[in-house]
Amino acid sequence: MLVDYHIHTAMSEDAKGEFEDCVKTARRKGLVEIGFSDHFHPRKQEYSMSSARLTEYIERVQALKKNIDFPVKSG
């Protein structure tokens, strides 16, 4: 069983992927579950999403979970 819980999206400034694209890639590679773990640190902004985007991040992960048939976690 292959999983990957260390997936960053463009929201944490150190990656370029969008949520849906990450799921497509995971399926293509044979993964059975993924976890988004974008960087967030309120005082250290290098490679971190801004505090203003944290709510958007959570909402996007929750919407993705509702709209796809693939196990997704977030951290």
Protein backbone atom coordinates (compact mmCIF):
# COMPACT_ATOMS: atom_id res chain seq x y z
CA MET A 1 0.00 0.00 0.00
CA LEU A 2 1.65 3.21 -1.17
CA VAL A 3 0.80 6.52 0.49
CA ASP A 4 2.38 9.96 0.47
CA TYR A 5 1.65 12.38 3.32
CA HIS A 6 4.24 14.98 2.34
CA ILE A 7 2.60 16.78 -0.56
CA HIS A 8 2.94 20.53 -0.98
CA THR A 9 0.79 22.68 -3.24
CA ALA A 10 1.44 26.12 -4.67
CA MET A 11 -0.12 27.56 -1.51
CA SER A 12 3.08 27.08 0.48
CA GLU A 13 5.27 28.85 -2.10
CA ASP A 14 7.74 25.97 -2.50
CA ALA A 15 5.73 23.92 -4.98
CA LYS A 16 3.68 24.48 -8.10
CA GLY A 17 0.97 21.81 -7.94
CA GLU A 18 -2.72 22.37 -7.50
CA PHE A 19 -4.76 20.10 -5.24
CA GLU A 20 -6.63 18.31 -8.03
CA ASP A 21 -3.44 17.79 -10.04
CA CYS A 22 -1.78 16.18 -7.02
CA VAL A 23 -4.65 13.69 -6.73
CA LYS A 24 -4.40 12.84 -10.44
CA THR A 25 -0.66 12.28 -10.12
CA ALA A 26 -1.12 10.13 -7.01
CA ARG A 27 -3.63 7.91 -8.80
CA ARG A 28 -1.38 7.60 -11.84
CA LYS A 29 1.52 6.53 -9.61
CA GLY A 30 -0.61 3.92 -7.82
CA LEU A 31 -0.87 5.62 -4.45
CA VAL A 32 -3.90 4.72 -2.35
CA GLU A 33 -3.96 7.81 -0.11
CA ILE A 34 -2.31 11.22 0.08
CA GLY A 35 -1.85 13.94 2.66
CA PHE A 36 -1.29 17.61 1.98
CA SER A 37 1.30 19.14 4.28
CA ASP A 38 1.87 22.63 3.05
CA HIS A 39 4.14 24.83 5.11
CA PHE A 40 2.49 27.20 7.53
CA HIS A 41 4.32 29.21 10.13
CA PRO A 42 2.80 32.56 11.16
CA ARG A 43 6.16 34.23 11.86
CA LYS A 44 8.44 32.61 9.30
CA GLN A 45 7.20 33.41 5.81
CA GLU A 46 9.90 31.79 3.69
CA TYR A 47 8.24 28.84 1.93
CA SER A 48 5.16 29.29 4.10
CA MET A 49 1.64 30.20 3.11
CA SER A 50 0.49 33.45 4.62
CA SER A 51 -1.83 33.50 7.62
CA ALA A 52 -4.45 35.13 5.41
CA ARG A 53 -4.61 31.98 3.25
CA LEU A 54 -4.94 29.37 6.00
CA THR A 55 -8.76 29.38 5.94
CA GLU A 56 -8.73 29.07 2.15
CA TYR A 57 -6.33 26.12 2.43
CA ILE A 58 -8.58 24.27 4.86
CA GLU A 59 -11.67 24.99 2.77
CA ARG A 60 -10.01 23.77 -0.43
CA VAL A 61 -8.89 20.50 1.17
CA GLN A 62 -12.38 19.94 2.63
CA ALA A 63 -14.03 20.65 -0.74
CA LEU A 64 -11.64 18.27 -2.47
CA LYS A 65 -12.47 15.52 0.02
CA LYS A 66 -16.18 15.94 -0.72
CA ASN A 67 -15.79 15.97 -4.49
CA ILE A 68 -13.44 13.07 -5.18
CA ASP A 69 -13.41 9.37 -4.52
CA PHE A 70 -9.87 9.20 -3.15
CA PRO A 71 -8.61 9.33 0.46
CA VAL A 72 -7.10 12.74 1.25
CA LYS A 73 -5.69 13.98 4.54
CA SER A 74 -4.18 17.30 5.53
CA GLY A 75 -1.76 18.52 8.10
